[in-house]
N, C-alpha and C. Protein backbone atom coordinates (compact mmCIF):
# COMPACT_ATOMS: atom_id res chain seq x y z
N MET A 1 -16.22 -15.96 -3.93
CA MET A 1 -16.84 -16.46 -2.65
C MET A 1 -17.60 -15.18 -2.25
N THR A 2 -18.83 -15.44 -1.84
CA THR A 2 -19.63 -14.33 -1.26
C THR A 2 -19.98 -14.75 0.21
N THR A 3 -19.80 -13.88 1.13
CA THR A 3 -20.10 -14.13 2.58
C THR A 3 -21.34 -13.29 2.77
N VAL A 4 -22.36 -13.97 3.37
CA VAL A 4 -23.63 -13.45 3.76
C VAL A 4 -23.76 -13.34 5.30
N TYR A 5 -24.08 -12.35 5.81
CA TYR A 5 -24.22 -12.19 7.27
C TYR A 5 -25.73 -11.96 7.64
N THR A 6 -26.14 -12.45 8.55
CA THR A 6 -27.60 -12.22 9.21
C THR A 6 -27.42 -11.19 10.18
N ASP A 7 -28.66 -10.77 10.68
CA ASP A 7 -28.79 -9.64 11.56
C ASP A 7 -28.37 -10.20 13.10
N ASN A 8 -28.12 -11.54 13.11
CA ASN A 8 -28.11 -12.24 14.52
C ASN A 8 -26.56 -12.21 14.92
N PHE A 9 -25.64 -11.38 14.55
CA PHE A 9 -24.34 -11.42 15.01
C PHE A 9 -24.23 -10.55 16.35
N ILE A 10 -23.50 -11.31 17.25
CA ILE A 10 -23.14 -10.46 18.60
C ILE A 10 -21.68 -10.46 18.68
N HIS A 11 -21.34 -9.49 19.35
CA HIS A 11 -19.97 -9.40 19.75
C HIS A 11 -19.59 -9.97 21.10
N GLN A 12 -18.81 -11.09 21.07
CA GLN A 12 -18.44 -11.83 22.11
C GLN A 12 -17.17 -12.67 21.97
N ILE A 13 -16.72 -13.08 23.08
CA ILE A 13 -15.51 -13.90 23.08
C ILE A 13 -15.87 -15.30 22.84
N PRO A 14 -15.48 -15.81 21.62
CA PRO A 14 -15.90 -17.31 21.45
C PRO A 14 -15.09 -18.23 22.37
N GLU A 15 -15.60 -19.49 22.61
CA GLU A 15 -14.98 -20.39 23.45
C GLU A 15 -13.67 -20.69 22.84
N GLY A 16 -12.57 -20.66 23.79
CA GLY A 16 -11.34 -21.05 23.37
C GLY A 16 -10.50 -19.85 22.74
N ASP A 17 -11.06 -18.69 22.76
CA ASP A 17 -10.42 -17.50 21.99
C ASP A 17 -10.22 -16.47 23.33
N ASP A 18 -9.56 -15.49 22.94
CA ASP A 18 -9.27 -14.39 23.96
C ASP A 18 -9.57 -12.88 23.48
N HIS A 19 -10.23 -12.89 22.18
CA HIS A 19 -10.59 -11.57 21.66
C HIS A 19 -12.07 -11.71 21.23
N LYS A 20 -12.67 -10.52 21.49
CA LYS A 20 -14.06 -10.28 21.10
C LYS A 20 -14.23 -10.46 19.50
N ARG A 21 -15.18 -11.15 19.15
CA ARG A 21 -15.24 -11.40 17.65
C ARG A 21 -16.81 -11.38 17.31
N MET A 22 -17.13 -11.11 15.96
CA MET A 22 -18.53 -11.14 15.76
C MET A 22 -18.93 -12.56 15.50
N VAL A 23 -20.04 -13.02 16.23
CA VAL A 23 -20.47 -14.49 16.24
C VAL A 23 -21.78 -14.59 16.07
N CYS A 24 -22.22 -15.55 15.08
CA CYS A 24 -23.53 -15.66 14.71
C CYS A 24 -24.31 -16.36 15.93
N ALA A 25 -25.32 -15.70 16.42
CA ALA A 25 -26.07 -16.24 17.67
C ALA A 25 -26.81 -17.51 17.25
N ASP A 26 -27.14 -17.73 15.91
CA ASP A 26 -27.89 -18.84 15.41
C ASP A 26 -26.93 -20.16 15.35
N CYS A 27 -25.85 -19.96 14.54
CA CYS A 27 -25.05 -21.09 14.39
C CYS A 27 -23.61 -21.08 14.88
N GLY A 28 -23.16 -20.10 15.46
CA GLY A 28 -21.78 -20.00 16.01
C GLY A 28 -20.65 -19.46 15.06
N PHE A 29 -21.09 -19.32 13.78
CA PHE A 29 -20.06 -18.92 12.85
C PHE A 29 -19.27 -17.68 13.42
N ILE A 30 -18.01 -17.65 13.27
CA ILE A 30 -17.26 -16.53 13.69
C ILE A 30 -16.71 -15.64 12.52
N ALA A 31 -17.07 -14.45 12.41
CA ALA A 31 -16.67 -13.53 11.30
C ALA A 31 -15.47 -12.85 11.75
N TYR A 32 -14.30 -13.33 11.41
CA TYR A 32 -13.00 -12.98 11.85
C TYR A 32 -12.75 -11.40 11.03
N GLU A 33 -12.16 -10.60 11.60
CA GLU A 33 -11.69 -9.27 11.00
C GLU A 33 -10.33 -9.37 11.15
N ASN A 34 -9.60 -9.07 9.93
CA ASN A 34 -8.24 -9.09 10.01
C ASN A 34 -7.50 -7.89 9.29
N PRO A 35 -6.31 -7.57 9.62
CA PRO A 35 -5.72 -6.47 8.91
C PRO A 35 -5.69 -6.37 7.38
N LYS A 36 -5.88 -5.16 6.76
CA LYS A 36 -5.80 -5.03 5.45
C LYS A 36 -4.38 -5.03 4.83
N ILE A 37 -4.07 -5.58 3.68
CA ILE A 37 -2.79 -5.44 3.17
C ILE A 37 -2.84 -4.52 1.96
N ILE A 38 -1.74 -3.58 2.17
CA ILE A 38 -1.63 -2.49 1.03
C ILE A 38 -0.48 -2.98 0.25
N ALA A 39 -0.44 -2.88 -1.03
CA ALA A 39 0.64 -3.21 -2.01
C ALA A 39 1.03 -1.98 -2.78
N GLY A 40 2.38 -1.65 -2.91
CA GLY A 40 2.58 -0.34 -3.60
C GLY A 40 4.18 -0.49 -4.07
N SER A 41 4.50 0.47 -4.81
CA SER A 41 5.90 0.51 -5.24
C SER A 41 6.53 1.94 -5.42
N VAL A 42 7.82 2.02 -5.17
CA VAL A 42 8.56 3.23 -5.62
C VAL A 42 8.92 2.89 -6.91
N VAL A 43 8.32 3.70 -8.01
CA VAL A 43 8.69 3.40 -9.28
C VAL A 43 9.73 4.40 -9.94
N MET A 44 10.69 3.78 -10.52
CA MET A 44 11.71 4.74 -11.16
C MET A 44 11.72 4.69 -12.63
N CYS A 45 11.88 5.67 -13.39
CA CYS A 45 12.14 5.69 -14.70
C CYS A 45 13.38 6.45 -14.96
N GLY A 46 14.46 5.67 -15.21
CA GLY A 46 15.76 6.35 -15.37
C GLY A 46 16.17 6.86 -14.01
N ASP A 47 16.50 8.10 -13.85
CA ASP A 47 16.62 8.72 -12.37
C ASP A 47 15.46 9.53 -11.84
N LYS A 48 14.30 9.35 -12.37
CA LYS A 48 13.10 9.95 -11.84
C LYS A 48 12.26 9.06 -11.18
N VAL A 49 11.42 9.54 -10.25
CA VAL A 49 10.42 8.78 -9.46
C VAL A 49 9.16 9.13 -9.93
N LEU A 50 8.23 8.26 -9.99
CA LEU A 50 6.84 8.54 -10.50
C LEU A 50 5.79 8.59 -9.30
N LEU A 51 5.27 9.78 -9.29
CA LEU A 51 4.21 10.02 -8.15
C LEU A 51 3.03 10.33 -8.81
N CYS A 52 1.87 10.07 -8.04
CA CYS A 52 0.49 10.44 -8.65
C CYS A 52 -0.09 11.38 -7.56
N ARG A 53 -0.82 12.23 -7.96
CA ARG A 53 -1.61 13.26 -7.08
C ARG A 53 -2.99 12.67 -7.00
N ARG A 54 -3.45 12.33 -5.73
CA ARG A 54 -4.62 11.75 -5.46
C ARG A 54 -5.85 12.45 -5.87
N ALA A 55 -6.77 11.84 -6.51
CA ALA A 55 -8.07 12.36 -7.02
C ALA A 55 -9.18 11.97 -5.95
N ILE A 56 -8.74 11.28 -4.96
CA ILE A 56 -9.82 10.58 -4.09
C ILE A 56 -9.29 10.93 -2.54
N HIS A 57 -10.26 10.81 -1.55
CA HIS A 57 -9.92 10.88 -0.28
C HIS A 57 -9.55 9.39 0.29
N PRO A 58 -8.83 9.28 1.22
CA PRO A 58 -8.14 10.36 2.07
C PRO A 58 -6.85 11.11 1.31
N GLN A 59 -6.62 12.17 1.78
CA GLN A 59 -5.59 13.06 1.27
C GLN A 59 -5.74 13.57 -0.15
N LYS A 60 -6.87 13.81 -0.60
CA LYS A 60 -7.07 14.19 -2.09
C LYS A 60 -6.11 15.42 -2.34
N GLY A 61 -5.56 15.43 -3.42
CA GLY A 61 -4.74 16.61 -3.85
C GLY A 61 -3.13 16.22 -3.40
N LYS A 62 -2.99 15.36 -2.74
CA LYS A 62 -1.65 15.08 -2.04
C LYS A 62 -0.92 14.08 -3.02
N TRP A 63 0.46 13.98 -2.98
CA TRP A 63 1.21 13.17 -3.86
C TRP A 63 1.39 11.78 -3.15
N THR A 64 1.42 10.79 -3.90
CA THR A 64 1.72 9.39 -3.28
C THR A 64 2.54 8.53 -4.31
N ILE A 65 3.11 7.47 -3.89
CA ILE A 65 3.67 6.41 -4.83
C ILE A 65 2.25 5.59 -5.17
N PRO A 66 2.31 4.82 -6.12
CA PRO A 66 1.08 3.96 -6.61
C PRO A 66 1.08 2.92 -5.60
N ALA A 67 -0.10 2.76 -4.88
CA ALA A 67 -0.35 1.68 -3.94
C ALA A 67 -1.81 1.65 -3.56
N GLY A 68 -2.35 0.56 -3.09
CA GLY A 68 -3.51 0.31 -2.59
C GLY A 68 -3.75 -1.03 -2.13
N PHE A 69 -5.16 -1.36 -1.71
CA PHE A 69 -5.50 -2.50 -1.20
C PHE A 69 -5.25 -3.64 -2.03
N LEU A 70 -4.79 -4.82 -1.49
CA LEU A 70 -4.64 -5.89 -2.24
C LEU A 70 -6.06 -6.66 -2.46
N GLU A 71 -6.16 -7.19 -3.66
CA GLU A 71 -7.35 -7.85 -4.01
C GLU A 71 -7.21 -9.33 -3.70
N MET A 72 -8.36 -10.01 -3.65
CA MET A 72 -8.41 -11.39 -3.27
C MET A 72 -7.78 -12.14 -4.48
N GLY A 73 -7.05 -13.12 -4.25
CA GLY A 73 -6.39 -14.00 -5.24
C GLY A 73 -5.14 -13.44 -6.02
N GLU A 74 -4.52 -12.30 -5.49
CA GLU A 74 -3.41 -11.78 -6.01
C GLU A 74 -2.20 -11.68 -5.06
N THR A 75 -1.04 -11.86 -5.61
CA THR A 75 0.14 -11.73 -4.71
C THR A 75 0.26 -10.23 -4.49
N PRO A 76 1.09 -9.89 -3.48
CA PRO A 76 1.45 -8.56 -3.16
C PRO A 76 2.04 -7.79 -4.42
N ALA A 77 3.12 -8.46 -5.06
CA ALA A 77 3.70 -7.93 -6.17
C ALA A 77 2.79 -7.76 -7.35
N GLU A 78 1.92 -8.63 -7.55
CA GLU A 78 0.75 -8.49 -8.56
C GLU A 78 -0.07 -7.20 -8.18
N GLY A 79 -0.32 -7.00 -7.00
CA GLY A 79 -1.28 -5.99 -6.39
C GLY A 79 -0.52 -4.67 -6.66
N ALA A 80 0.82 -4.69 -6.51
CA ALA A 80 1.62 -3.30 -6.63
C ALA A 80 1.66 -3.08 -8.09
N ALA A 81 1.71 -4.01 -9.03
CA ALA A 81 1.73 -3.61 -10.52
C ALA A 81 0.41 -3.38 -10.95
N ARG A 82 -0.58 -4.01 -10.41
CA ARG A 82 -1.98 -3.49 -10.70
C ARG A 82 -2.35 -2.08 -10.25
N GLU A 83 -1.96 -1.74 -9.05
CA GLU A 83 -2.11 -0.37 -8.66
C GLU A 83 -1.36 0.66 -9.45
N ALA A 84 -0.25 0.29 -9.96
CA ALA A 84 0.54 1.31 -10.87
C ALA A 84 -0.32 1.60 -12.00
N TRP A 85 -0.86 0.44 -12.60
CA TRP A 85 -1.80 0.60 -13.67
C TRP A 85 -3.04 1.33 -13.51
N GLU A 86 -3.70 1.07 -12.38
CA GLU A 86 -4.96 1.83 -12.11
C GLU A 86 -4.60 3.35 -11.83
N GLU A 87 -3.60 3.53 -11.13
CA GLU A 87 -3.29 5.05 -10.77
C GLU A 87 -2.56 5.71 -11.75
N ALA A 88 -1.77 5.10 -12.51
CA ALA A 88 -0.91 5.86 -13.44
C ALA A 88 -0.81 5.25 -14.85
N ARG A 89 -1.58 4.39 -15.09
CA ARG A 89 -1.59 3.69 -16.40
C ARG A 89 -0.14 3.32 -16.86
N ALA A 90 0.54 3.01 -15.81
CA ALA A 90 1.87 2.63 -15.98
C ALA A 90 2.13 1.11 -15.92
N LYS A 91 2.82 0.57 -16.90
CA LYS A 91 3.12 -0.95 -16.96
C LYS A 91 4.56 -0.99 -16.29
N ILE A 92 4.63 -1.43 -15.05
CA ILE A 92 5.89 -1.46 -14.40
C ILE A 92 6.49 -2.76 -14.20
N THR A 93 7.70 -2.93 -13.99
CA THR A 93 8.31 -4.17 -13.59
C THR A 93 8.78 -4.11 -12.26
N ILE A 94 8.32 -5.10 -11.46
CA ILE A 94 8.70 -5.18 -10.01
C ILE A 94 10.01 -5.78 -9.91
N ARG A 95 10.86 -5.09 -9.16
CA ARG A 95 12.31 -5.44 -8.87
C ARG A 95 12.48 -6.43 -7.62
N ASP A 96 12.10 -5.84 -6.37
CA ASP A 96 12.20 -6.61 -5.19
C ASP A 96 11.54 -5.89 -4.16
N LEU A 97 11.30 -6.71 -3.03
CA LEU A 97 10.58 -6.08 -1.89
C LEU A 97 11.61 -4.93 -1.08
N LEU A 98 10.99 -3.78 -0.96
CA LEU A 98 11.70 -2.70 -0.20
C LEU A 98 11.46 -2.71 1.19
N ALA A 99 10.26 -2.77 1.57
CA ALA A 99 9.80 -2.71 3.01
C ALA A 99 8.51 -3.24 3.36
N ILE A 100 8.35 -3.48 4.58
CA ILE A 100 7.00 -4.03 5.14
C ILE A 100 6.65 -2.98 6.39
N TYR A 101 5.70 -2.18 6.15
CA TYR A 101 5.38 -1.29 7.22
C TYR A 101 4.05 -1.82 8.00
N THR A 102 3.95 -1.43 9.17
CA THR A 102 2.73 -1.82 9.91
C THR A 102 2.10 -0.49 10.46
N VAL A 103 0.91 -0.15 10.08
CA VAL A 103 0.11 0.92 10.63
C VAL A 103 -0.96 0.41 11.54
N LYS A 104 -0.60 0.19 12.68
CA LYS A 104 -1.49 -0.47 13.75
C LYS A 104 -2.77 0.34 13.84
N ARG A 105 -2.89 1.53 14.01
CA ARG A 105 -4.07 2.42 14.33
C ARG A 105 -5.14 2.03 13.22
N ILE A 106 -4.74 1.75 11.93
CA ILE A 106 -5.80 1.55 10.92
C ILE A 106 -5.67 0.01 10.52
N SER A 107 -4.97 -0.79 11.22
CA SER A 107 -4.84 -2.36 10.94
C SER A 107 -4.44 -2.65 9.49
N GLN A 108 -3.31 -1.82 9.09
CA GLN A 108 -2.74 -2.07 7.76
C GLN A 108 -1.36 -2.71 7.72
N VAL A 109 -1.10 -3.60 6.97
CA VAL A 109 0.26 -4.11 6.63
C VAL A 109 0.48 -3.59 5.25
N GLN A 110 1.65 -2.83 5.11
CA GLN A 110 1.83 -2.22 3.79
C GLN A 110 3.30 -2.91 3.25
N MET A 111 3.07 -3.52 2.01
CA MET A 111 4.31 -4.21 1.38
C MET A 111 4.72 -3.29 0.25
N MET A 112 5.84 -2.61 0.30
CA MET A 112 6.23 -1.77 -0.68
C MET A 112 7.47 -2.37 -1.44
N TYR A 113 7.54 -2.31 -2.80
CA TYR A 113 8.52 -2.72 -3.78
C TYR A 113 9.30 -1.60 -4.37
N ARG A 114 10.40 -2.13 -4.83
CA ARG A 114 11.21 -1.38 -5.96
C ARG A 114 10.68 -1.75 -7.34
N ALA A 115 10.50 -0.71 -8.10
CA ALA A 115 10.14 -1.18 -9.43
C ALA A 115 10.69 -0.12 -10.42
N TYR A 116 10.52 -0.51 -11.67
CA TYR A 116 10.90 0.46 -12.74
C TYR A 116 9.89 0.58 -13.83
N LEU A 117 9.92 1.71 -14.55
CA LEU A 117 8.99 1.88 -15.64
C LEU A 117 9.97 1.83 -16.95
N PRO A 118 9.88 0.77 -17.68
CA PRO A 118 10.84 0.62 -18.83
C PRO A 118 10.75 1.78 -19.92
N GLU A 119 9.53 2.30 -19.97
CA GLU A 119 9.33 3.39 -21.01
C GLU A 119 8.54 4.39 -20.24
N PRO A 120 8.80 5.75 -20.46
CA PRO A 120 7.99 6.73 -19.87
C PRO A 120 6.58 6.96 -20.40
N VAL A 121 5.78 5.94 -20.39
CA VAL A 121 4.58 5.95 -20.77
C VAL A 121 3.42 5.75 -19.61
N PHE A 122 2.85 6.84 -19.32
CA PHE A 122 1.78 6.81 -18.20
C PHE A 122 0.72 7.99 -18.47
N GLU A 123 -0.08 8.03 -17.69
CA GLU A 123 -1.24 8.99 -17.74
C GLU A 123 -2.13 8.73 -16.40
N PRO A 124 -2.85 9.81 -15.96
CA PRO A 124 -3.71 9.53 -14.84
C PRO A 124 -4.73 8.47 -14.95
N GLY A 125 -4.89 7.74 -14.13
CA GLY A 125 -5.94 6.66 -14.05
C GLY A 125 -7.03 7.44 -13.26
N PRO A 126 -8.29 6.66 -12.92
CA PRO A 126 -9.41 7.38 -12.20
C PRO A 126 -9.08 7.83 -10.78
N GLU A 127 -8.08 7.39 -10.25
CA GLU A 127 -7.88 7.68 -8.89
C GLU A 127 -6.77 8.83 -8.72
N SER A 128 -6.27 9.29 -9.87
CA SER A 128 -5.24 10.29 -10.00
C SER A 128 -5.65 11.58 -10.74
N LEU A 129 -5.38 12.74 -10.13
CA LEU A 129 -5.49 13.95 -10.77
C LEU A 129 -4.40 14.26 -11.83
N GLU A 130 -3.22 13.81 -11.46
CA GLU A 130 -1.86 13.93 -12.44
C GLU A 130 -0.90 13.05 -11.92
N VAL A 131 0.00 12.51 -13.06
CA VAL A 131 0.99 11.67 -12.67
C VAL A 131 2.41 12.30 -13.25
N VAL A 132 3.41 12.35 -12.43
CA VAL A 132 4.68 13.05 -12.93
C VAL A 132 5.87 12.26 -12.57
N LEU A 133 6.76 12.30 -13.36
CA LEU A 133 8.21 11.85 -13.00
C LEU A 133 8.97 12.91 -12.49
N PHE A 134 9.34 12.75 -11.20
CA PHE A 134 9.98 13.93 -10.59
C PHE A 134 11.64 13.57 -10.37
N ASP A 135 12.49 14.60 -10.54
CA ASP A 135 13.76 14.49 -10.13
C ASP A 135 13.73 14.37 -8.59
N TRP A 136 14.65 13.70 -8.09
CA TRP A 136 14.69 13.53 -6.65
C TRP A 136 14.55 14.97 -5.76
N ALA A 137 15.33 15.85 -6.34
CA ALA A 137 15.45 17.18 -5.58
C ALA A 137 14.10 17.95 -5.87
N ASP A 138 13.20 17.51 -6.72
CA ASP A 138 11.95 18.23 -7.05
C ASP A 138 10.70 17.42 -6.27
N ILE A 139 10.84 16.42 -5.61
CA ILE A 139 9.83 15.65 -4.95
C ILE A 139 9.09 16.59 -4.02
N PRO A 140 7.77 16.83 -4.21
CA PRO A 140 6.94 17.73 -3.19
C PRO A 140 6.89 17.05 -1.67
N TRP A 141 7.99 17.15 -1.00
CA TRP A 141 8.16 16.42 0.26
C TRP A 141 7.02 16.89 1.11
N ALA A 142 6.64 18.20 1.15
CA ALA A 142 5.68 18.79 2.02
C ALA A 142 4.22 18.34 1.66
N ASP A 143 4.04 17.78 0.42
CA ASP A 143 2.71 17.51 -0.01
C ASP A 143 2.52 16.04 -0.22
N LEU A 144 3.23 15.20 0.37
CA LEU A 144 3.30 13.77 0.31
C LEU A 144 2.03 13.42 1.32
N ALA A 145 1.21 12.49 0.69
CA ALA A 145 -0.10 12.05 1.34
C ALA A 145 0.03 11.33 2.69
N PHE A 146 1.02 10.41 2.89
CA PHE A 146 1.03 9.61 4.02
C PHE A 146 2.47 9.41 4.48
N PRO A 147 2.66 9.20 5.90
CA PRO A 147 3.95 8.86 6.29
C PRO A 147 4.70 7.86 5.55
N SER A 148 4.03 6.77 5.34
CA SER A 148 4.71 5.62 4.54
C SER A 148 5.21 5.83 3.19
N VAL A 149 4.72 7.04 2.69
CA VAL A 149 5.10 7.37 1.33
C VAL A 149 6.56 7.98 1.56
N HIS A 150 6.73 8.95 2.60
CA HIS A 150 8.00 9.38 3.04
C HIS A 150 9.02 8.14 3.21
N TRP A 151 8.48 7.33 4.12
CA TRP A 151 9.46 6.14 4.47
C TRP A 151 10.04 5.40 3.25
N ALA A 152 9.01 5.17 2.38
CA ALA A 152 9.42 4.32 1.23
C ALA A 152 10.48 5.07 0.27
N LEU A 153 10.19 6.30 0.09
CA LEU A 153 11.09 7.14 -0.74
C LEU A 153 12.41 7.13 -0.07
N HIS A 154 12.44 7.48 1.22
CA HIS A 154 13.93 7.46 1.86
C HIS A 154 14.51 6.11 2.06
N HIS A 155 13.71 4.99 2.13
CA HIS A 155 14.34 3.68 2.16
C HIS A 155 14.80 3.27 0.77
N PHE A 156 14.03 3.76 -0.18
CA PHE A 156 14.55 3.51 -1.53
C PHE A 156 15.99 4.38 -1.81
N GLN A 157 15.97 5.29 -1.40
CA GLN A 157 17.25 6.18 -1.48
C GLN A 157 18.47 5.47 -0.88
N ALA A 158 18.12 4.92 0.26
CA ALA A 158 19.14 4.23 1.17
C ALA A 158 19.73 3.08 0.52
N VAL A 159 18.96 2.44 -0.50
CA VAL A 159 19.38 1.20 -1.14
C VAL A 159 19.59 1.30 -2.64
N GLU A 160 19.34 2.49 -2.98
CA GLU A 160 19.57 2.62 -4.44
C GLU A 160 20.83 2.03 -5.17
N GLY A 161 20.60 1.27 -6.01
CA GLY A 161 21.80 0.66 -6.70
C GLY A 161 22.32 -0.63 -5.97
N LYS A 162 21.75 -1.03 -4.71
CA LYS A 162 22.20 -2.04 -4.02
C LYS A 162 21.34 -3.30 -4.33
N GLN A 163 21.97 -4.42 -4.04
CA GLN A 163 21.26 -5.76 -4.21
C GLN A 163 21.28 -6.47 -2.94
N GLY A 164 20.42 -7.44 -2.69
CA GLY A 164 20.51 -8.22 -1.44
C GLY A 164 20.33 -7.56 -0.11
N PHE A 165 19.47 -6.85 0.12
CA PHE A 165 19.30 -6.08 1.33
C PHE A 165 18.11 -6.72 2.15
N ALA A 166 18.00 -6.53 3.40
CA ALA A 166 16.90 -6.98 4.22
C ALA A 166 15.76 -5.99 3.93
N PRO A 167 14.40 -6.38 3.70
CA PRO A 167 13.31 -5.21 3.81
C PRO A 167 13.44 -4.41 4.98
N PHE A 168 13.11 -3.14 4.59
CA PHE A 168 12.88 -2.18 5.77
C PHE A 168 11.60 -2.38 6.59
N SER A 169 11.50 -1.78 7.77
CA SER A 169 10.25 -1.76 8.33
C SER A 169 9.98 -0.20 8.95
N ASN A 170 8.98 -0.14 9.75
CA ASN A 170 8.81 1.19 10.30
C ASN A 170 9.96 1.94 10.75
N PRO A 171 10.24 3.13 10.48
CA PRO A 171 11.39 3.91 11.06
C PRO A 171 11.24 3.90 12.64
N GLU A 172 12.23 3.84 13.30
CA GLU A 172 12.30 3.96 14.78
C GLU A 172 11.46 5.04 15.26
N GLY A 173 10.53 4.82 16.15
CA GLY A 173 9.65 5.79 16.79
C GLY A 173 8.24 5.72 16.11
N TRP A 174 8.18 4.95 15.13
CA TRP A 174 6.82 4.88 14.32
C TRP A 174 6.24 3.48 14.62
N GLU A 175 6.47 2.84 15.63
CA GLU A 175 5.95 1.61 15.82
C GLU A 175 4.48 1.52 15.99
N GLN A 176 3.87 2.66 16.52
CA GLN A 176 2.48 2.88 16.76
C GLN A 176 1.78 3.86 15.70
N ALA A 177 2.38 3.84 14.49
CA ALA A 177 1.90 4.80 13.37
C ALA A 177 0.41 4.59 13.08
């Protein structure tokens, strides 16, 4: 589906609404803007965690778990698996939902999964400079790209080996992240 916009959009509150929206002055079509969904995973191979060093901005050169924007027509779990392939050429198996984070200032909802890499086969994809399996003690904590990477890794550690837990959310004090 392709959406085509004209130059006749104005920022106004549509009738019956309470938020300003982009509205076509000609036909009244409302172009809603909604939060973006990020899908990613903490990927384990044995007792090591898979991290990717970013080749793109933002945070180029920093380490992250494989994650990115959900595509149209895919589930969050499918998106997390696709991102692992795109960033690390890793064919992962999604285990379960680890956390749902909200980053209000950039209108993102981040769905993070627990996953594993059945075999240690991976290499950098086009968005990664390098991909490494780290022992927990060797994770480059000071060089992680985003707060949610820290959260996901710590939340993963909190439920390692456990089944049937409620997904985590933003750590206390990070509601306005």
